[in-house]
PDB file of N, CA and C in Angstrom:
ATOM      1  N   UNK A   1       0.828  -1.131  -0.016  1.00  0.00           N
ATOM      2  CA  UNK A   1       0.046  -0.019  -0.011  1.00  0.00           C
ATOM      3  C   UNK A   1       0.885   1.239  -0.018  1.00  0.00           C
ATOM      4  N   UNK A   2       0.760   2.125  -0.983  1.00  0.00           N
ATOM      5  CA  UNK A   2       1.513   3.328  -1.082  1.00  0.00           C
ATOM      6  C   UNK A   2       0.956   4.397  -0.207  1.00  0.00           C
ATOM      7  N   UNK A   3       1.649   5.480  -0.103  1.00  0.00           N
ATOM      8  CA  UNK A   3       1.184   6.623   0.712  1.00  0.00           C
ATOM      9  C   UNK A   3       0.187   7.450  -0.120  1.00  0.00           C
ATOM     10  N   UNK A   4      -0.729   8.133   0.505  1.00  0.00           N
ATOM     11  CA  UNK A   4      -1.628   8.979  -0.280  1.00  0.00           C
ATOM     12  C   UNK A   4      -0.883  10.114  -0.909  1.00  0.00           C
ATOM     13  N   UNK A   5      -1.342  10.535  -2.095  1.00  0.00           N
ATOM     14  CA  UNK A   5      -0.635  11.645  -2.746  1.00  0.00           C
ATOM     15  C   UNK A   5      -1.365  12.940  -2.615  1.00  0.00           C
ATOM     16  N   UNK A   6      -2.569  12.893  -2.143  1.00  0.00           N
ATOM     17  CA  UNK A   6      -3.393  14.111  -1.975  1.00  0.00           C
ATOM     18  C   UNK A   6      -3.808  14.249  -0.515  1.00  0.00           C
ATOM     19  N   UNK A   7      -3.859  15.435  -0.014  1.00  0.00           N
ATOM     20  CA  UNK A   7      -4.320  15.697   1.332  1.00  0.00           C
ATOM     21  C   UNK A   7      -5.241  16.871   1.260  1.00  0.00           C
ATOM     22  N   UNK A   8      -6.541  16.597   1.372  1.00  0.00           N
ATOM     23  CA  UNK A   8      -7.561  17.629   1.253  1.00  0.00           C
ATOM     24  C   UNK A   8      -7.396  18.465  -0.035  1.00  0.00           C
ATOM     25  N   UNK A   9      -7.304  17.761  -1.135  1.00  0.00           N
ATOM     26  CA  UNK A   9      -7.178  18.315  -2.433  1.00  0.00           C
ATOM     27  C   UNK A   9      -5.962  19.168  -2.709  1.00  0.00           C
ATOM     28  N   UNK A  10      -4.845  18.868  -2.008  1.00  0.00           N
ATOM     29  CA  UNK A  10      -3.610  19.542  -2.327  1.00  0.00           C
ATOM     30  C   UNK A  10      -2.464  18.552  -2.402  1.00  0.00           C
ATOM     31  N   UNK A  11      -1.492  18.843  -3.199  1.00  0.00           N
ATOM     32  CA  UNK A  11      -0.346  17.941  -3.303  1.00  0.00           C
ATOM     33  C   UNK A  11       0.488  18.034  -2.051  1.00  0.00           C
ATOM     34  N   UNK A  12       0.907  16.864  -1.537  1.00  0.00           N
ATOM     35  CA  UNK A  12       1.687  16.816  -0.282  1.00  0.00           C
ATOM     36  C   UNK A  12       3.137  16.420  -0.609  1.00  0.00           C
ATOM     37  N   UNK A  13       3.556  16.455  -1.844  1.00  0.00           N
ATOM     38  CA  UNK A  13       4.904  16.210  -2.227  1.00  0.00           C
ATOM     39  C   UNK A  13       5.489  17.406  -2.969  1.00  0.00           C
ATOM     40  N   UNK A  14       6.590  17.935  -2.432  1.00  0.00           N
ATOM     41  CA  UNK A  14       7.297  19.001  -3.120  1.00  0.00           C
ATOM     42  C   UNK A  14       7.978  18.452  -4.390  1.00  0.00           C
ATOM     43  N   UNK A  15       8.615  17.278  -4.212  1.00  0.00           N
ATOM     44  CA  UNK A  15       9.291  16.632  -5.370  1.00  0.00           C
ATOM     45  C   UNK A  15       8.277  15.675  -6.008  1.00  0.00           C
ATOM     46  N   UNK A  16       7.745  16.122  -7.110  1.00  0.00           N
ATOM     47  CA  UNK A  16       6.670  15.381  -7.811  1.00  0.00           C
ATOM     48  C   UNK A  16       7.302  14.282  -8.687  1.00  0.00           C
ATOM     49  N   UNK A  17       6.563  13.281  -9.044  1.00  0.00           N
ATOM     50  CA  UNK A  17       6.940  12.263  -9.969  1.00  0.00           C
ATOM     51  C   UNK A  17       7.623  11.070  -9.298  1.00  0.00           C
ATOM     52  N   UNK A  18       7.465  10.964  -7.982  1.00  0.00           N
ATOM     53  CA  UNK A  18       8.136   9.856  -7.261  1.00  0.00           C
ATOM     54  C   UNK A  18       7.132   9.330  -6.253  1.00  0.00           C
ATOM     55  N   UNK A  19       6.323   8.355  -6.671  1.00  0.00           N
ATOM     56  CA  UNK A  19       5.296   7.791  -5.788  1.00  0.00           C
ATOM     57  C   UNK A  19       5.886   6.980  -4.682  1.00  0.00           C
ATOM     58  N   UNK A  20       7.114   6.505  -4.814  1.00  0.00           N
ATOM     59  CA  UNK A  20       7.742   5.729  -3.733  1.00  0.00           C
ATOM     60  C   UNK A  20       8.622   6.599  -2.832  1.00  0.00           C
ATOM     61  N   UNK A  21       8.576   7.940  -3.037  1.00  0.00           N
ATOM     62  CA  UNK A  21       9.297   8.837  -2.116  1.00  0.00           C
ATOM     63  C   UNK A  21       8.361   9.186  -0.923  1.00  0.00           C
ATOM     64  N   UNK A  22       8.943   9.458   0.228  1.00  0.00           N
ATOM     65  CA  UNK A  22       8.102   9.857   1.404  1.00  0.00           C
ATOM     66  C   UNK A  22       7.487  11.281   1.062  1.00  0.00           C
ATOM     67  N   UNK A  23       6.370  11.493   1.675  1.00  0.00           N
ATOM     68  CA  UNK A  23       5.708  12.807   1.567  1.00  0.00           C
ATOM     69  C   UNK A  23       6.404  13.780   2.529  1.00  0.00           C
ATOM     70  N   UNK A  24       6.506  15.012   2.134  1.00  0.00           N
ATOM     71  CA  UNK A  24       7.252  15.959   2.939  1.00  0.00           C
ATOM     72  C   UNK A  24       6.528  17.330   3.124  1.00  0.00           C
ATOM     73  N   UNK A  25       5.320  17.419   2.601  1.00  0.00           N
ATOM     74  CA  UNK A  25       4.585  18.655   2.784  1.00  0.00           C
ATOM     75  C   UNK A  25       3.243  18.392   3.495  1.00  0.00           C
ATOM     76  N   UNK A  26       3.353  17.827   4.678  1.00  0.00           N
ATOM     77  CA  UNK A  26       2.178  17.525   5.471  1.00  0.00           C
ATOM     78  C   UNK A  26       2.463  17.980   6.899  1.00  0.00           C
ATOM     79  N   UNK A  27       1.522  18.573   7.564  1.00  0.00           N
ATOM     80  CA  UNK A  27       1.700  19.046   8.882  1.00  0.00           C
ATOM     81  C   UNK A  27       1.348  17.989   9.926  1.00  0.00           C
ATOM     82  N   UNK A  28       1.818  18.166  11.149  1.00  0.00           N
ATOM     83  CA  UNK A  28       1.450  17.261  12.246  1.00  0.00           C
ATOM     84  C   UNK A  28      -0.055  17.267  12.409  1.00  0.00           C
ATOM     85  N   UNK A  29      -0.714  18.409  12.376  1.00  0.00           N
ATOM     86  CA  UNK A  29      -2.135  18.535  12.596  1.00  0.00           C
ATOM     87  C   UNK A  29      -2.879  17.741  11.453  1.00  0.00           C
ATOM     88  N   UNK A  30      -2.368  17.806  10.227  1.00  0.00           N
ATOM     89  CA  UNK A  30      -3.021  17.030   9.142  1.00  0.00           C
ATOM     90  C   UNK A  30      -3.040  15.557   9.382  1.00  0.00           C
ATOM     91  N   UNK A  31      -2.050  15.013   9.899  1.00  0.00           N
ATOM     92  CA  UNK A  31      -2.007  13.560  10.096  1.00  0.00           C
ATOM     93  C   UNK A  31      -2.613  13.141  11.381  1.00  0.00           C
ATOM     94  N   UNK A  32      -3.012  14.045  12.248  1.00  0.00           N
ATOM     95  CA  UNK A  32      -3.669  13.711  13.482  1.00  0.00           C
ATOM     96  C   UNK A  32      -5.193  13.637  13.292  1.00  0.00           C
ATOM     97  N   UNK A  33      -5.714  14.215  12.220  1.00  0.00           N
ATOM     98  CA  UNK A  33      -7.184  14.234  12.036  1.00  0.00           C
ATOM     99  C   UNK A  33      -7.607  13.158  11.011  1.00  0.00           C
ATOM    100  N   UNK A  34      -8.784  12.552  11.240  1.00  0.00           N
ATOM    101  CA  UNK A  34      -9.225  11.556  10.292  1.00  0.00           C
ATOM    102  C   UNK A  34      -9.490  12.149   8.944  1.00  0.00           C
ATOM    103  N   UNK A  35      -9.749  13.424   8.870  1.00  0.00           N
ATOM    104  CA  UNK A  35      -9.957  14.041   7.513  1.00  0.00           C
ATOM    105  C   UNK A  35      -8.697  14.373   6.883  1.00  0.00           C
ATOM    106  N   UNK A  36      -7.601  14.312   7.580  1.00  0.00           N
ATOM    107  CA  UNK A  36      -6.296  14.703   7.033  1.00  0.00           C
ATOM    108  C   UNK A  36      -5.750  13.703   6.036  1.00  0.00           C
ATOM    109  N   UNK A  37      -6.006  12.460   6.213  1.00  0.00           N
ATOM    110  CA  UNK A  37      -5.499  11.403   5.330  1.00  0.00           C
ATOM    111  C   UNK A  37      -6.701  10.763   4.645  1.00  0.00           C
ATOM    112  N   UNK A  38      -6.473  10.475   3.381  1.00  0.00           N
ATOM    113  CA  UNK A  38      -7.602   9.793   2.642  1.00  0.00           C
ATOM    114  C   UNK A  38      -8.103   8.655   3.421  1.00  0.00           C
ATOM    115  N   UNK A  39      -9.410   8.446   3.430  1.00  0.00           N
ATOM    116  CA  UNK A  39     -10.105   7.525   4.305  1.00  0.00           C
ATOM    117  C   UNK A  39      -9.530   6.128   4.133  1.00  0.00           C
ATOM    118  N   UNK A  40      -9.115   5.659   2.947  1.00  0.00           N
ATOM    119  CA  UNK A  40      -8.603   4.316   2.740  1.00  0.00           C
ATOM    120  C   UNK A  40      -7.336   4.070   3.528  1.00  0.00           C
ATOM    121  N   UNK A  41      -6.618   5.115   3.871  1.00  0.00           N
ATOM    122  CA  UNK A  41      -5.323   4.992   4.559  1.00  0.00           C
ATOM    123  C   UNK A  41      -5.440   5.152   6.096  1.00  0.00           C
ATOM    124  N   UNK A  42      -6.649   5.446   6.547  1.00  0.00           N
ATOM    125  CA  UNK A  42      -6.851   5.768   7.964  1.00  0.00           C
ATOM    126  C   UNK A  42      -7.089   4.537   8.821  1.00  0.00           C
ATOM    127  N   UNK A  43      -7.281   3.397   8.305  1.00  0.00           N
ATOM    128  CA  UNK A  43      -7.605   2.216   9.041  1.00  0.00           C
ATOM    129  C   UNK A  43      -6.467   1.884  10.077  1.00  0.00           C
ATOM    130  N   UNK A  44      -6.859   1.947  11.375  1.00  0.00           N
ATOM    131  CA  UNK A  44      -5.887   1.619  12.519  1.00  0.00           C
ATOM    132  C   UNK A  44      -4.579   2.350  12.326  1.00  0.00           C
ATOM    133  N   UNK A  45      -4.624   3.561  11.887  1.00  0.00           N
ATOM    134  CA  UNK A  45      -3.464   4.377  11.709  1.00  0.00           C
ATOM    135  C   UNK A  45      -3.245   5.333  12.872  1.00  0.00           C
ATOM    136  N   UNK A  46      -2.016   5.481  13.358  1.00  0.00           N
ATOM    137  CA  UNK A  46      -1.677   6.548  14.288  1.00  0.00           C
ATOM    138  C   UNK A  46      -0.191   6.731  14.108  1.00  0.00           C
ATOM    139  N   UNK A  47       0.226   7.958  14.476  1.00  0.00           N
ATOM    140  CA  UNK A  47       1.718   8.197  14.534  1.00  0.00           C
ATOM    141  C   UNK A  47       2.305   7.472  15.740  1.00  0.00           C
ATOM    142  N   UNK A  48       3.542   7.056  15.640  1.00  0.00           N
ATOM    143  CA  UNK A  48       4.183   6.457  16.820  1.00  0.00           C
ATOM    144  C   UNK A  48       4.480   7.532  17.871  1.00  0.00           C
ATOM    145  N   UNK A  49       4.598   7.158  19.071  1.00  0.00           N
ATOM    146  CA  UNK A  49       5.101   8.077  20.059  1.00  0.00           C
ATOM    147  C   UNK A  49       6.577   8.287  19.797  1.00  0.00           C
ATOM    148  N   UNK A  50       7.189   9.251  20.404  1.00  0.00           N
ATOM    149  CA  UNK A  50       8.640   9.504  20.229  1.00  0.00           C
ATOM    150  C   UNK A  50       9.393   8.259  20.761  1.00  0.00           C
ATOM    151  N   UNK A  51       8.944   7.748  21.886  1.00  0.00           N
ATOM    152  CA  UNK A  51       9.638   6.588  22.479  1.00  0.00           C
ATOM    153  C   UNK A  51       9.526   5.364  21.540  1.00  0.00           C
ATOM    154  N   UNK A  52       8.435   5.141  20.895  1.00  0.00           N
ATOM    155  CA  UNK A  52       8.267   4.024  19.948  1.00  0.00           C
ATOM    156  C   UNK A  52       9.143   4.267  18.729  1.00  0.00           C
ATOM    157  N   UNK A  53       9.166   5.489  18.235  1.00  0.00           N
ATOM    158  CA  UNK A  53       9.996   5.736  17.107  1.00  0.00           C
ATOM    159  C   UNK A  53      11.430   5.582  17.449  1.00  0.00           C
ATOM    160  N   UNK A  54      11.872   6.033  18.564  1.00  0.00           N
ATOM    161  CA  UNK A  54      13.286   5.887  18.985  1.00  0.00           C
ATOM    162  C   UNK A  54      13.680   4.414  19.145  1.00  0.00           C
ATOM    163  N   UNK A  55      12.790   3.610  19.719  1.00  0.00           N
ATOM    164  CA  UNK A  55      13.027   2.210  19.865  1.00  0.00           C
ATOM    165  C   UNK A  55      13.201   1.476  18.540  1.00  0.00           C
ATOM    166  N   UNK A  56      12.300   1.844  17.610  1.00  0.00           N
ATOM    167  CA  UNK A  56      12.378   1.275  16.243  1.00  0.00           C
ATOM    168  C   UNK A  56      13.673   1.754  15.556  1.00  0.00           C
ATOM    169  N   UNK A  57      13.960   3.009  15.655  1.00  0.00           N
ATOM    170  CA  UNK A  57      15.190   3.525  14.983  1.00  0.00           C
ATOM    171  C   UNK A  57      16.445   2.894  15.495  1.00  0.00           C
ATOM    172  N   UNK A  58      16.455   2.600  16.845  1.00  0.00           N
ATOM    173  CA  UNK A  58      17.673   1.940  17.416  1.00  0.00           C
ATOM    174  C   UNK A  58      17.730   0.458  17.108  1.00  0.00           C
ATOM    175  N   UNK A  59      16.766  -0.109  16.488  1.00  0.00           N
ATOM    176  CA  UNK A  59      16.760  -1.520  16.122  1.00  0.00           C
ATOM    177  C   UNK A  59      16.087  -2.439  17.117  1.00  0.00           C
ATOM    178  N   UNK A  60      15.376  -1.881  18.092  1.00  0.00           N
ATOM    179  CA  UNK A  60      14.561  -2.665  19.003  1.00  0.00           C
ATOM    180  C   UNK A  60      15.467  -3.642  19.796  1.00  0.00           C
ATOM    181  N   UNK A  61      14.962  -4.868  20.004  1.00  0.00           N
ATOM    182  CA  UNK A  61      15.733  -5.873  20.739  1.00  0.00           C
ATOM    183  C   UNK A  61      16.938  -6.400  19.941  1.00  0.00           C
ATOM    184  N   UNK A  62      16.904  -6.094  18.632  1.00  0.00           N
ATOM    185  CA  UNK A  62      18.028  -6.579  17.771  1.00  0.00           C
ATOM    186  C   UNK A  62      19.104  -5.573  17.610  1.00  0.00           C
ATOM    187  N   UNK A  63      19.028  -4.475  18.387  1.00  0.00           N
ATOM    188  CA  UNK A  63      19.996  -3.354  18.219  1.00  0.00           C
ATOM    189  C   UNK A  63      21.399  -3.845  18.419  1.00  0.00           C
ATOM    190  N   UNK A  64      22.249  -3.330  17.565  1.00  0.00           N
ATOM    191  CA  UNK A  64      23.687  -3.571  17.704  1.00  0.00           C
ATOM    192  C   UNK A  64      24.470  -2.289  18.164  1.00  0.00           C
ATOM    193  N   UNK A  65      23.684  -1.278  18.582  1.00  0.00           N
ATOM    194  CA  UNK A  65      24.249  -0.094  19.146  1.00  0.00           C
ATOM    195  C   UNK A  65      24.874   0.821  18.145  1.00  0.00           C
ATOM    196  N   UNK A  66      24.402   0.853  16.867  1.00  0.00           N
ATOM    197  CA  UNK A  66      25.009   1.653  15.836  1.00  0.00           C
ATOM    198  C   UNK A  66      24.745   3.182  16.150  1.00  0.00           C
ATOM    199  N   UNK A  67      25.559   4.020  15.634  1.00  0.00           N
ATOM    200  CA  UNK A  67      25.414   5.484  15.767  1.00  0.00           C
ATOM    201  C   UNK A  67      24.152   5.951  14.960  1.00  0.00           C
ATOM    202  N   UNK A  68      23.984   5.384  13.770  1.00  0.00           N
ATOM    203  CA  UNK A  68      22.812   5.718  12.929  1.00  0.00           C
ATOM    204  C   UNK A  68      21.955   4.477  12.941  1.00  0.00           C
ATOM    205  N   UNK A  69      20.749   4.633  12.438  1.00  0.00           N
ATOM    206  CA  UNK A  69      19.795   3.449  12.420  1.00  0.00           C
ATOM    207  C   UNK A  69      20.224   2.437  11.391  1.00  0.00           C
ATOM    208  N   UNK A  70      20.988   1.442  11.832  1.00  0.00           N
ATOM    209  CA  UNK A  70      21.457   0.321  11.005  1.00  0.00           C
ATOM    210  C   UNK A  70      22.910   0.326  10.604  1.00  0.00           C
ATOM    211  N   UNK A  71      23.669   1.394  11.063  1.00  0.00           N
ATOM    212  CA  UNK A  71      25.074   1.353  10.706  1.00  0.00           C
ATOM    213  C   UNK A  71      25.810   2.493  11.462  1.00  0.00           C
ATOM    214  N   UNK A  72      27.084   2.397  11.463  1.00  0.00           N
ATOM    215  CA  UNK A  72      27.910   3.515  12.020  1.00  0.00           C
ATOM    216  C   UNK A  72      28.312   4.430  10.943  1.00  0.00           C
ATOM    217  N   UNK A  73      28.008   4.081   9.704  1.00  0.00           N
ATOM    218  CA  UNK A  73      28.303   4.947   8.527  1.00  0.00           C
ATOM    219  C   UNK A  73      27.010   5.545   7.968  1.00  0.00           C
ATOM    220  N   UNK A  74      26.845   6.844   8.089  1.00  0.00           N
ATOM    221  CA  UNK A  74      25.627   7.478   7.627  1.00  0.00           C
ATOM    222  C   UNK A  74      25.346   7.240   6.193  1.00  0.00           C
ATOM    223  N   UNK A  75      26.326   7.240   5.306  1.00  0.00           N
ATOM    224  CA  UNK A  75      26.056   7.124   3.891  1.00  0.00           C
ATOM    225  C   UNK A  75      25.460   5.765   3.501  1.00  0.00           C
ATOM    226  N   UNK A  76      25.659   4.762   4.352  1.00  0.00           N
ATOM    227  CA  UNK A  76      25.080   3.402   4.013  1.00  0.00           C
ATOM    228  C   UNK A  76      23.644   3.277   4.356  1.00  0.00           C
ATOM    229  N   UNK A  77      23.138   4.156   5.258  1.00  0.00           N
ATOM    230  CA  UNK A  77      21.756   4.038   5.748  1.00  0.00           C
ATOM    231  C   UNK A  77      20.911   5.314   5.571  1.00  0.00           C
ATOM    232  N   UNK A  78      21.522   6.402   5.197  1.00  0.00           N
ATOM    233  CA  UNK A  78      20.787   7.648   5.227  1.00  0.00           C
ATOM    234  C   UNK A  78      21.066   8.547   3.993  1.00  0.00           C
ATOM    235  N   UNK A  79      20.032   9.259   3.593  1.00  0.00           N
ATOM    236  CA  UNK A  79      20.179  10.362   2.649  1.00  0.00           C
ATOM    237  C   UNK A  79      20.361  11.606   3.438  1.00  0.00           C
ATOM    238  N   UNK A  80      21.458  12.300   3.278  1.00  0.00           N
ATOM    239  CA  UNK A  80      21.859  13.447   4.075  1.00  0.00           C
ATOM    240  C   UNK A  80      22.130  14.623   3.176  1.00  0.00           C
ATOM    241  N   UNK A  81      22.429  15.789   3.766  1.00  0.00           N
ATOM    242  CA  UNK A  81      22.760  16.968   2.953  1.00  0.00           C
ATOM    243  C   UNK A  81      23.982  16.678   2.052  1.00  0.00           C
ATOM    244  N   UNK A  82      24.844  15.830   2.525  1.00  0.00           N
ATOM    245  CA  UNK A  82      26.059  15.489   1.780  1.00  0.00           C
ATOM    246  C   UNK A  82      25.921  14.564   0.559  1.00  0.00           C
ATOM    247  N   UNK A  83      24.826  13.726   0.567  1.00  0.00           N
ATOM    248  CA  UNK A  83      24.723  12.727  -0.519  1.00  0.00           C
ATOM    249  C   UNK A  83      23.408  12.680  -1.196  1.00  0.00           C
ATOM    250  N   UNK A  84      22.463  13.596  -0.902  1.00  0.00           N
ATOM    251  CA  UNK A  84      21.118  13.584  -1.430  1.00  0.00           C
ATOM    252  C   UNK A  84      20.829  14.415  -2.669  1.00  0.00           C
ATOM    253  N   UNK A  85      21.777  15.241  -2.985  1.00  0.00           N
ATOM    254  CA  UNK A  85      21.621  16.139  -4.131  1.00  0.00           C
ATOM    255  C   UNK A  85      20.361  17.056  -3.885  1.00  0.00           C
ATOM    256  N   UNK A  86      20.131  17.414  -2.613  1.00  0.00           N
ATOM    257  CA  UNK A  86      19.075  18.278  -2.150  1.00  0.00           C
ATOM    258  C   UNK A  86      17.688  17.884  -2.579  1.00  0.00           C
ATOM    259  N   UNK A  87      17.414  16.594  -2.561  1.00  0.00           N
ATOM    260  CA  UNK A  87      16.079  16.055  -2.849  1.00  0.00           C
ATOM    261  C   UNK A  87      15.757  14.836  -2.085  1.00  0.00           C
ATOM    262  N   UNK A  88      14.533  14.451  -2.022  1.00  0.00           N
ATOM    263  CA  UNK A  88      14.131  13.205  -1.374  1.00  0.00           C
ATOM    264  C   UNK A  88      14.398  12.021  -2.299  1.00  0.00           C
ATOM    265  N   UNK A  89      14.475  10.878  -1.747  1.00  0.00           N
ATOM    266  CA  UNK A  89      14.757   9.706  -2.594  1.00  0.00           C
ATOM    267  C   UNK A  89      13.715   8.622  -2.258  1.00  0.00           C
ATOM    268  N   UNK A  90      13.530   7.681  -3.172  1.00  0.00           N
ATOM    269  CA  UNK A  90      12.564   6.620  -2.952  1.00  0.00           C
ATOM    270  C   UNK A  90      12.986   5.819  -1.710  1.00  0.00           C
ATOM    271  N   UNK A  91      11.969   5.433  -0.942  1.00  0.00           N
ATOM    272  CA  UNK A  91      12.225   4.633   0.242  1.00  0.00           C
ATOM    273  C   UNK A  91      12.870   3.274  -0.094  1.00  0.00           C
ATOM    274  N   UNK A  92      13.863   2.867   0.759  1.00  0.00           N
ATOM    275  CA  UNK A  92      14.473   1.554   0.588  1.00  0.00           C
ATOM    276  C   UNK A  92      15.676   1.518  -0.316  1.00  0.00           C
ATOM    277  N   UNK A  93      16.281   2.601  -0.596  1.00  0.00           N
ATOM    278  CA  UNK A  93      17.469   2.555  -1.494  1.00  0.00           C
ATOM    279  C   UNK A  93      18.781   2.399  -0.666  1.00  0.00           C
ATOM    280  N   UNK A  94      18.639   2.720   0.625  1.00  0.00           N
ATOM    281  CA  UNK A  94      19.793   2.486   1.560  1.00  0.00           C
ATOM    282  C   UNK A  94      19.559   1.262   2.362  1.00  0.00           C
ATOM    283  N   UNK A  95      20.537   0.824   3.162  1.00  0.00           N
ATOM    284  CA  UNK A  95      20.396  -0.378   4.000  1.00  0.00           C
ATOM    285  C   UNK A  95      19.327  -0.134   5.071  1.00  0.00           C
ATOM    286  N   UNK A  96      18.540  -1.157   5.462  1.00  0.00           N
ATOM    287  CA  UNK A  96      17.596  -1.062   6.559  1.00  0.00           C
ATOM    288  C   UNK A  96      18.310  -1.209   7.883  1.00  0.00           C
ATOM    289  N   UNK A  97      17.601  -0.871   8.971  1.00  0.00           N
ATOM    290  CA  UNK A  97      18.217  -1.118  10.285  1.00  0.00           C
ATOM    291  C   UNK A  97      18.009  -2.609  10.694  1.00  0.00           C
ATOM    292  N   UNK A  98      18.303  -2.936  11.905  1.00  0.00           N
ATOM    293  CA  UNK A  98      18.215  -4.292  12.352  1.00  0.00           C
ATOM    294  C   UNK A  98      16.800  -4.851  12.285  1.00  0.00           C
ATOM    295  N   UNK A  99      15.808  -4.003  12.370  1.00  0.00           N
ATOM    296  CA  UNK A  99      14.407  -4.483  12.245  1.00  0.00           C
ATOM    297  C   UNK A  99      13.920  -4.533  10.847  1.00  0.00           C
ATOM    298  N   UNK A 100      14.700  -4.184   9.876  1.00  0.00           N
ATOM    299  CA  UNK A 100      14.314  -4.175   8.473  1.00  0.00           C
ATOM    300  C   UNK A 100      13.605  -2.876   8.095  1.00  0.00           C
ATOM    301  N   UNK A 101      13.723  -1.829   8.890  1.00  0.00           N
ATOM    302  CA  UNK A 101      13.045  -0.559   8.595  1.00  0.00           C
ATOM    303  C   UNK A 101      14.012   0.392   7.905  1.00  0.00           C
ATOM    304  N   UNK A 102      13.514   0.974   6.805  1.00  0.00           N
ATOM    305  CA  UNK A 102      14.390   1.879   6.007  1.00  0.00           C
ATOM    306  C   UNK A 102      14.198   3.324   6.375  1.00  0.00           C
ATOM    307  N   UNK A 103      15.209   4.155   6.082  1.00  0.00           N
ATOM    308  CA  UNK A 103      15.144   5.602   6.171  1.00  0.00           C
ATOM    309  C   UNK A 103      14.824   6.180   7.554  1.00  0.00           C
ATOM    310  N   UNK A 104      15.328   5.533   8.600  1.00  0.00           N
ATOM    311  CA  UNK A 104      15.119   6.076   9.896  1.00  0.00           C
ATOM    312  C   UNK A 104      16.165   7.089  10.262  1.00  0.00           C
ATOM    313  N   UNK A 105      17.205   7.225   9.501  1.00  0.00           N
ATOM    314  CA  UNK A 105      18.295   8.244   9.745  1.00  0.00           C
ATOM    315  C   UNK A 105      18.462   9.073   8.490  1.00  0.00           C
ATOM    316  N   UNK A 106      17.449   9.711   8.136  1.00  0.00           N
ATOM    317  CA  UNK A 106      17.642  10.566   6.924  1.00  0.00           C
ATOM    318  C   UNK A 106      16.456  10.568   5.981  1.00  0.00           C
ATOM    319  N   UNK A 107      16.622  11.180   4.859  1.00  0.00           N
ATOM    320  CA  UNK A 107      15.684  11.341   3.766  1.00  0.00           C
ATOM    321  C   UNK A 107      14.721  12.502   4.129  1.00  0.00           C
ATOM    322  N   UNK A 108      13.777  12.318   5.009  1.00  0.00           N
ATOM    323  CA  UNK A 108      12.869  13.404   5.472  1.00  0.00           C
ATOM    324  C   UNK A 108      12.685  13.309   7.015  1.00  0.00           C
ATOM    325  N   UNK A 109      12.200  14.384   7.602  1.00  0.00           N
ATOM    326  CA  UNK A 109      11.853  14.309   9.065  1.00  0.00           C
ATOM    327  C   UNK A 109      10.606  13.529   9.270  1.00  0.00           C
ATOM    328  N   UNK A 110      10.484  12.875  10.440  1.00  0.00           N
ATOM    329  CA  UNK A 110       9.374  12.089  10.809  1.00  0.00           C
ATOM    330  C   UNK A 110       8.516  12.793  11.799  1.00  0.00           C
ATOM    331  N   UNK A 111       7.246  12.585  11.789  1.00  0.00           N
ATOM    332  CA  UNK A 111       6.313  13.098  12.792  1.00  0.00           C
ATOM    333  C   UNK A 111       6.054  12.018  13.825  1.00  0.00           C
ATOM    334  N   UNK A 112       5.979  12.390  15.094  1.00  0.00           N
ATOM    335  CA  UNK A 112       5.548  11.518  16.182  1.00  0.00           C
ATOM    336  C   UNK A 112       4.338  12.118  16.833  1.00  0.00           C
ATOM    337  N   UNK A 113       3.583  11.308  17.521  1.00  0.00           N
ATOM    338  CA  UNK A 113       2.373  11.727  18.195  1.00  0.00           C
ATOM    339  C   UNK A 113       2.577  12.645  19.362  1.00  0.00           C
ATOM    340  N   UNK A 114       3.834  12.555  19.941  1.00  0.00           N
ATOM    341  CA  UNK A 114       4.143  13.374  21.067  1.00  0.00           C
ATOM    342  C   UNK A 114       5.547  13.937  20.901  1.00  0.00           C
ATOM    343  N   UNK A 115       6.111  14.526  21.916  1.00  0.00           N
ATOM    344  CA  UNK A 115       7.499  15.029  21.793  1.00  0.00           C
ATOM    345  C   UNK A 115       8.341  14.428  22.941  1.00  0.00           C
ATOM    346  N   UNK A 116       9.622  14.511  22.692  1.00  0.00           N
ATOM    347  CA  UNK A 116      10.549  14.016  23.675  1.00  0.00           C
ATOM    348  C   UNK A 116      10.582  14.920  24.875  1.00  0.00           C
ATOM    349  N   UNK A 117      10.640  14.303  26.033  1.00  0.00           N
ATOM    350  CA  UNK A 117      10.729  15.096  27.280  1.00  0.00           C
ATOM    351  C   UNK A 117      12.215  15.073  27.654  1.00  0.00           C
ATOM    352  N   UNK A 118      12.887  16.213  27.453  1.00  0.00           N
ATOM    353  CA  UNK A 118      14.292  16.300  27.640  1.00  0.00           C
ATOM    354  C   UNK A 118      14.724  15.988  29.069  1.00  0.00           C
ATOM    355  N   UNK A 119      13.850  16.151  30.023  1.00  0.00           N
ATOM    356  CA  UNK A 119      14.254  15.912  31.427  1.00  0.00           C
ATOM    357  C   UNK A 119      14.425  14.457  31.731  1.00  0.00           C
ATOM    358  N   UNK A 120      14.067  13.570  30.895  1.00  0.00           N
ATOM    359  CA  UNK A 120      14.188  12.093  31.131  1.00  0.00           C
ATOM    360  C   UNK A 120      15.346  11.511  30.259  1.00  0.00           C
ATOM    361  N   UNK A 121      15.935  12.304  29.448  1.00  0.00           N
ATOM    362  CA  UNK A 121      16.976  11.746  28.547  1.00  0.00           C
ATOM    363  C   UNK A 121      18.102  11.141  29.325  1.00  0.00           C
ATOM    364  N   UNK A 122      18.415  11.644  30.493  1.00  0.00           N
ATOM    365  CA  UNK A 122      19.512  11.108  31.295  1.00  0.00           C
ATOM    366  C   UNK A 122      19.233   9.698  31.739  1.00  0.00           C
ATOM    367  N   UNK A 123      18.014   9.270  31.751  1.00  0.00           N
ATOM    368  CA  UNK A 123      17.659   7.916  32.212  1.00  0.00           C
ATOM    369  C   UNK A 123      17.512   6.865  31.099  1.00  0.00           C
ATOM    370  N   UNK A 124      17.620   7.371  29.848  1.00  0.00           N
ATOM    371  CA  UNK A 124      17.472   6.452  28.666  1.00  0.00           C
ATOM    372  C   UNK A 124      18.780   5.660  28.499  1.00  0.00           C
ATOM    373  N   UNK A 125      18.673   4.408  28.049  1.00  0.00           N
ATOM    374  CA  UNK A 125      19.824   3.598  27.802  1.00  0.00           C
ATOM    375  C   UNK A 125      20.592   4.168  26.640  1.00  0.00           C
ATOM    376  N   UNK A 126      21.898   4.100  26.697  1.00  0.00           N
ATOM    377  CA  UNK A 126      22.799   4.656  25.569  1.00  0.00           C
ATOM    378  C   UNK A 126      22.928   3.657  24.488  1.00  0.00           C
TER     379      UNK A 126
END
């Protein structure tokens, strides 16, 4: 199932012509409302919490403690300012992390349903 290409009758991709690229013109409020995403894509959908996203990005129980999600070398797992040619790229062109999830360290920013509470960072495992 691909991502929706329209959000309330407007294009949510700045870089057109790439249906397998992540969307990057959608607000947090848009994805929180049932009217924000086409009805077919709303089934049992919610954004992850920041803690859930962090756990998945680190590789969950399979984590090998990499600096980036899936590697210690950013170029092998992430599209960055240095290698992206200033555009988004189709999902899955770089290596996945330990859980098989792609693009957790680059390409576009991700939305979470909440925000990180900086006062508890000192208690998180490294």
